[in-house]
Protein backbone atom coordinates (compact mmCIF):
# COMPACT_ATOMS: atom_id res chain seq x y z
CA MET A 1 146.71 64.66 7.73
CA ASN A 2 147.35 67.84 5.60
CA ASN A 3 144.65 67.22 2.92
CA SER A 4 140.91 67.91 2.48
CA LEU A 5 139.89 64.81 4.67
CA LYS A 6 141.56 66.31 7.81
CA SER A 7 141.79 62.96 9.53
CA ILE A 8 141.23 59.17 8.82
CA ASN A 9 139.03 57.87 11.52
CA PHE A 10 138.41 54.25 12.47
CA TYR A 11 136.77 53.09 15.82
CA LEU A 12 136.93 50.53 18.68
CA TYR A 13 133.47 49.55 19.85
CA GLN A 14 133.15 47.41 23.00
CA SER A 15 130.07 45.41 23.65
CA GLY A 16 129.86 42.52 26.07
CA ASN A 17 132.76 40.25 25.29
CA ASN A 18 133.25 41.86 21.78
CA LEU A 19 135.92 44.49 21.04
CA THR A 20 135.14 45.46 17.44
CA LEU A 21 137.35 47.45 15.23
CA ILE A 22 135.06 49.58 12.73
CA ASP A 23 137.20 50.18 9.63
CA ALA A 24 141.09 49.98 9.43
CA GLY A 25 142.53 53.14 8.38
CA LEU A 26 145.27 53.31 5.68
CA HIS A 27 148.11 50.69 5.55
CA ASN A 28 150.79 53.06 7.21
CA GLU A 29 152.76 53.50 10.18
CA GLU A 30 150.69 56.54 11.38
CA CYS A 31 147.52 54.54 11.40
CA TRP A 32 149.08 51.38 12.97
CA ASN A 33 150.60 53.47 15.72
CA ALA A 34 147.31 55.35 16.45
CA LEU A 35 145.66 52.11 16.82
CA LEU A 36 148.08 50.65 19.15
CA GLU A 37 148.05 53.88 21.21
CA THR A 38 144.25 53.85 21.36
CA LEU A 39 144.27 50.17 22.44
CA LYS A 40 146.86 50.90 25.23
CA ARG A 41 145.15 53.93 26.47
CA ASN A 42 141.98 51.90 26.96
CA GLU A 43 144.01 48.98 28.49
CA PHE A 44 143.60 46.75 25.54
CA SER A 45 146.09 45.12 22.84
CA ILE A 46 145.83 43.82 19.48
CA GLN A 47 145.13 40.50 21.00
CA ASP A 48 141.70 41.96 22.48
CA ILE A 49 140.15 42.64 19.25
CA THR A 50 137.49 40.03 18.38
CA GLN A 51 136.30 41.04 14.94
CA ILE A 52 136.72 43.71 12.17
CA TYR A 53 133.65 45.37 10.58
CA LEU A 54 134.18 47.49 7.40
CA THR A 55 131.92 50.22 6.21
CA HIS A 56 133.08 50.03 2.70
CA HIS A 57 135.98 48.85 0.43
CA HIS A 58 137.99 52.13 -0.06
CA ILE A 59 141.62 52.02 0.71
CA ASP A 60 141.49 54.37 3.52
CA HIS A 61 139.02 52.25 5.52
CA VAL A 62 140.74 48.84 4.98
CA GLY A 63 144.27 49.36 5.05
CA LEU A 64 145.60 47.56 8.38
CA VAL A 65 143.16 44.53 7.99
CA ASP A 66 145.95 42.12 6.77
CA ARG A 67 148.43 43.34 9.18
CA ILE A 68 146.12 42.84 12.06
CA VAL A 69 145.05 39.51 11.03
CA ARG A 70 148.51 38.47 10.31
CA ASN A 71 149.33 39.47 14.06
CA HIS A 72 146.07 37.96 15.33
CA PRO A 73 143.59 35.98 13.48
CA VAL A 74 140.01 37.48 13.72
CA PRO A 75 136.97 37.38 11.31
CA VAL A 76 136.64 40.12 8.97
CA TYR A 77 132.96 41.16 7.99
CA ALA A 78 131.84 43.38 5.10
CA HIS A 79 129.14 43.76 2.58
CA PRO A 80 128.99 41.08 -0.08
CA HIS A 81 129.68 43.76 -2.75
CA SER A 82 132.91 44.58 -1.01
CA ILE A 83 134.35 41.19 -1.46
CA PRO A 84 135.12 41.09 -5.14
CA ARG A 85 136.58 44.71 -4.82
CA LEU A 86 138.71 43.89 -1.89
CA LYS A 87 140.02 40.50 -3.42
CA ARG A 88 140.24 42.21 -6.81
CA ASP A 89 138.30 39.38 -8.59
CA ARG A 90 139.72 39.43 -12.04
CA ASP A 91 136.23 39.04 -13.78
CA PHE A 92 134.75 41.86 -11.75
CA MET A 93 137.61 44.17 -12.20
CA GLU A 94 137.50 43.59 -15.97
CA ARG A 95 133.72 44.26 -15.98
CA ARG A 96 134.54 47.42 -14.08
CA VAL A 97 137.02 48.65 -16.75
CA ALA A 98 134.42 47.84 -19.43
CA PHE A 99 131.86 49.87 -17.46
CA PHE A 100 134.06 52.89 -17.37
CA GLU A 101 134.96 52.60 -20.99
CA THR A 102 131.26 52.86 -22.08
CA LEU A 103 130.51 55.44 -19.44
CA TYR A 104 133.23 57.78 -20.66
CA ARG A 105 132.44 57.18 -24.45
CA GLU A 106 128.80 57.80 -24.00
CA ALA A 107 129.67 61.03 -21.97
CA ASP A 108 131.83 62.14 -25.04
CA CYS A 109 135.15 62.64 -22.76
CA GLY A 110 137.55 61.77 -25.62
CA GLU A 111 141.18 61.85 -24.80
CA ALA A 112 140.67 62.24 -20.90
CA GLY A 113 138.41 59.25 -20.85
CA GLU A 114 140.86 57.05 -23.02
CA ASN A 115 143.66 58.19 -20.57
CA GLN A 116 141.71 57.15 -17.58
CA ILE A 117 140.74 53.63 -19.16
CA ARG A 118 144.65 53.15 -19.99
CA TYR A 119 145.35 53.98 -16.25
CA LEU A 120 142.59 51.44 -15.06
CA GLN A 121 143.89 48.71 -17.38
CA ASN A 122 147.57 49.17 -16.16
CA ALA A 123 146.10 49.07 -12.45
CA LEU A 124 144.46 45.75 -13.31
CA GLN A 125 147.91 44.27 -13.80
CA LYS A 126 149.95 46.43 -11.24
CA ASN A 127 147.52 46.08 -8.42
CA GLU A 128 146.98 42.31 -8.64
CA LYS A 129 149.15 41.87 -5.49
CA LYS A 130 147.19 44.40 -3.54
CA ALA A 131 144.26 41.92 -3.12
CA MET A 132 143.32 41.44 0.58
CA GLN A 133 144.65 38.25 1.89
CA SER A 134 142.49 37.90 4.86
CA ASP A 135 139.40 35.95 4.43
CA ILE A 136 136.14 38.38 4.20
CA HIS A 137 132.70 37.27 5.39
CA PRO A 138 129.23 38.72 4.69
CA PHE A 139 127.91 40.46 7.72
CA ASP A 140 126.58 38.24 10.55
CA PRO A 141 124.19 40.41 12.47
CA ALA A 142 124.38 38.06 15.30
CA GLN A 143 127.91 39.02 16.12
CA ILE A 144 127.27 42.65 16.86
CA ASP A 145 124.58 44.67 18.84
CA LEU A 146 124.53 47.20 16.04
CA GLU A 147 121.86 47.52 13.24
CA ILE A 148 123.58 47.22 9.85
CA MET A 149 122.24 49.69 7.35
CA GLU A 150 122.94 49.67 3.72
CA VAL A 151 123.67 53.28 2.77
CA PRO A 152 124.99 53.27 -1.06
CA GLY A 153 125.99 56.25 -2.79
CA HIS A 154 129.56 57.18 -1.86
CA ALA A 155 130.34 53.46 -2.57
CA PRO A 156 127.92 50.64 -3.60
CA ASP A 157 128.92 48.55 -0.75
CA GLN A 158 128.83 51.27 1.87
CA VAL A 159 127.04 50.45 5.26
CA SER A 160 126.46 52.23 8.55
CA PHE A 161 126.19 50.84 11.90
CA PHE A 162 123.58 52.15 14.47
CA HIS A 163 123.15 51.68 18.02
CA GLU A 164 119.68 52.45 18.87
CA GLU A 165 119.75 52.86 22.61
CA THR A 166 122.52 55.60 22.46
CA GLY A 167 121.67 56.94 19.04
CA TRP A 168 125.44 56.30 17.74
CA LEU A 169 125.90 55.98 14.01
CA PHE A 170 129.22 54.74 12.84
CA GLY A 171 128.68 56.39 9.30
CA GLY A 172 131.59 55.58 7.28
CA ASP A 173 131.65 58.29 4.66
CA LEU A 174 128.00 58.94 4.48
CA LEU A 175 128.40 62.13 6.21
CA ILE A 176 131.57 64.36 6.73
CA GLN A 177 131.26 67.53 8.79
CA HIS A 178 133.56 69.79 6.70
CA ILE A 179 133.21 68.59 3.13
CA SER A 180 130.41 67.06 1.07
CA SER A 181 131.06 63.18 0.50
CA ASN A 182 131.37 62.22 -3.00
CA ALA A 183 128.81 60.05 -4.75
CA LEU A 184 131.26 58.09 -7.03
CA ALA A 185 130.34 56.40 -10.34
CA GLU A 186 130.83 52.72 -9.86
CA PRO A 187 129.05 49.59 -11.50
CA ASP A 188 127.21 47.25 -9.78
CA PHE A 189 128.48 43.54 -9.42
CA GLU A 190 127.06 42.78 -12.98
CA GLY A 191 128.83 45.88 -14.33
CA ARG A 192 125.56 47.93 -14.57
CA ARG A 193 125.41 51.65 -14.20
CA GLN A 194 123.96 52.94 -10.86
CA ARG A 195 122.72 56.39 -9.97
CA PRO A 196 124.94 56.94 -6.87
CA LEU A 197 124.01 60.55 -6.08
CA LEU A 198 120.29 59.74 -5.90
CA GLN A 199 121.33 56.66 -3.89
CA HIS A 200 123.42 58.94 -1.70
CA MET A 201 120.64 61.36 -1.05
CA ASP A 202 118.27 58.36 -0.09
CA SER A 203 120.99 56.96 2.31
CA MET A 204 121.51 60.48 4.01
CA GLU A 205 117.69 60.78 4.63
CA ALA A 206 117.45 57.16 5.79
CA ALA A 207 120.23 57.96 8.39
CA ASP A 208 118.49 61.27 9.20
CA SER A 209 115.26 59.41 9.92
CA LEU A 210 116.93 57.49 12.60
CA GLN A 211 117.71 60.79 14.63
CA PRO A 212 121.10 59.89 15.61
CA THR A 213 122.63 61.86 18.53
CA THR A 214 126.18 61.19 17.40
CA VAL A 215 127.62 60.27 13.86
CA TYR A 216 131.22 58.81 14.04
CA SER A 217 132.32 59.84 10.67
CA GLY A 218 135.09 58.26 8.49
CA HIS A 219 136.84 61.64 8.38
CA GLY A 220 137.03 64.99 10.34
CA GLU A 221 135.20 65.66 13.49
CA VAL A 222 132.34 63.81 15.23
CA ILE A 223 128.80 65.01 13.90
CA TYR A 224 126.26 66.14 16.71
CA ASP A 225 123.67 67.55 14.44
CA ALA A 226 123.14 65.31 11.56
CA SER A 227 119.83 66.50 10.56
CA SER A 228 121.14 70.08 9.80
CA LEU A 229 124.12 68.62 7.81
CA VAL A 230 121.83 66.39 5.72
CA GLN A 231 119.66 69.43 4.87
CA LYS A 232 122.86 71.41 3.95
CA ARG A 233 124.20 68.72 1.76
CA ILE A 234 120.69 68.19 0.00
CA GLN A 235 120.55 71.89 -0.67
CA GLU A 236 124.08 71.99 -2.16
CA ILE A 237 123.06 69.29 -4.62
CA GLU A 238 120.06 71.26 -5.58
CA GLU A 239 122.06 74.22 -6.02
CA LYS A 240 124.66 72.57 -8.30
CA ALA A 241 121.88 71.00 -10.31
CA ASP A 242 120.33 74.23 -10.90
CA LYS A 243 123.77 75.62 -12.44
CA LEU A 244 124.03 72.71 -14.65
CA ALA A 245 120.49 73.11 -15.84
CA LEU A 246 121.23 76.58 -16.72
CA LEU A 247 124.27 75.59 -18.85
CA ILE A 248 122.14 72.97 -20.56
CA CYS A 249 119.71 75.75 -21.41
CA GLU A 250 122.52 77.69 -22.93
CA GLY A 251 123.54 74.96 -25.18
CA LEU A 252 125.83 72.66 -23.47
CA THR A 253 124.53 69.08 -24.13
CA THR A 254 127.12 66.45 -23.21
CA ALA A 255 128.39 65.31 -19.87
CA ALA A 256 131.86 66.16 -20.84
CA GLY A 257 131.03 69.52 -22.19
CA LEU A 258 129.33 70.51 -18.87
CA ALA A 259 132.26 69.10 -16.89
CA LYS A 260 134.79 71.07 -18.70
CA SER A 261 132.69 74.16 -18.39
CA TYR A 262 131.77 73.80 -14.65
CA TYR A 263 135.10 72.45 -13.48
CA GLU A 264 137.60 74.11 -15.88
CA LYS A 265 141.09 72.82 -15.08
CA ARG A 266 139.85 70.14 -12.57
CA TYR A 267 138.35 68.19 -15.61
CA ASP A 268 141.84 67.04 -16.38
CA SER A 269 143.58 66.94 -12.98
CA GLN A 270 140.52 65.29 -11.01
CA PHE A 271 138.70 63.60 -13.97
CA PRO A 272 137.13 60.65 -12.38
CA LEU A 273 135.82 62.61 -9.53
CA VAL A 274 134.54 65.37 -11.80
CA MET A 275 132.56 62.99 -14.05
CA SER A 276 131.15 61.24 -11.10
CA GLU A 277 129.84 64.74 -9.85
CA ILE A 278 128.38 65.79 -13.32
CA LEU A 279 126.75 62.58 -14.04
CA GLY A 280 125.33 62.23 -10.62
CA HIS A 281 123.58 65.67 -10.77
CA LEU A 282 122.33 64.91 -14.43
CA ASP A 283 120.68 61.86 -12.83
CA TYR A 284 119.10 64.12 -10.25
CA LEU A 285 117.81 66.54 -12.94
CA GLU A 286 116.47 63.54 -15.05
CA ALA A 287 114.77 62.03 -11.77
CA LYS A 288 113.16 65.48 -11.28
CA GLU A 289 111.99 65.46 -15.10
CA ARG A 290 113.80 68.76 -15.54
CA ILE A 291 115.86 67.39 -18.48
CA GLY A 292 115.62 64.65 -21.03
CA LYS A 293 118.32 62.83 -23.01
CA GLU A 294 118.59 61.14 -26.42
CA LYS A 295 121.78 59.27 -27.92
CA MET A 296 123.23 60.45 -30.96
CA ASN A 297 126.25 58.71 -32.71
CA GLY A 298 126.75 56.87 -29.36
CA VAL A 299 126.82 59.90 -27.11
CA TRP A 300 124.11 61.02 -24.86
CA HIS A 301 122.95 64.52 -25.39
CA TYR A 302 120.93 66.32 -22.81
CA HIS A 303 118.14 69.00 -23.20
CA ASP A 304 115.96 71.16 -21.14
CA LYS A 305 112.40 69.67 -21.06
CA LYS A 306 110.81 72.92 -20.70
CA ALA A 307 112.48 74.36 -23.76
């Protein structure tokens, strides 16, 4: 792949009589052929897969599920919070749009926020047929000899799978060697705001506490020194938070104002990602009691607590 992800990784895990597919790539021929070739190289076929386990609901982790299940009916397991997203449950998806409408209004995003809401509303109609057709079951720990760990942050439904004996961690997008994994703003099932960057930091530290020997990441290279990478990622978060705190001291008070100043042109070109980053780091500064906020005319304004 010629983008910042470098590769889309999904894994075959054999244990006893089970051959588990962990994640399922994108819905394209490249991923399908890679799966078939890997199965063949290891003297398996599609018919040998006994189950599919998903780390989270993102499109680059679930793409081949329906194609596999149509060819070879096997159970598909995911976090319960994945199910309304993968099934595109209408009530949930409408709550999700309402969540972002409020989030962007309170962040003073103006036209950029309104454009994103229009995009999400159109996607509600346009993507109805993209709902996963396969049945999705909540995880059954009895069906696999891996510990299932909730590691929210990048996605509210993200999990990792840990094999204690070998120290293998199938991490999803929790850790990526060459880029930081984004903590994306998303509502919980009821449509309430989460603090994804704080969740992501907790999840990285929980994974680090397992002392994994090997992290099989959703993208890029296999990771052999998770502890150093976790410390690097946390340091990067702290450094970005320091820069935003300085901008607040200089008089920028809204999330949108901070986003425009910090990211400049990317505010428009990568709007949802930029706002997730800014709001996440503001949550971090709030949690550290370095900043406070107050709502004026429906918009959150941030201030330095030491000022």
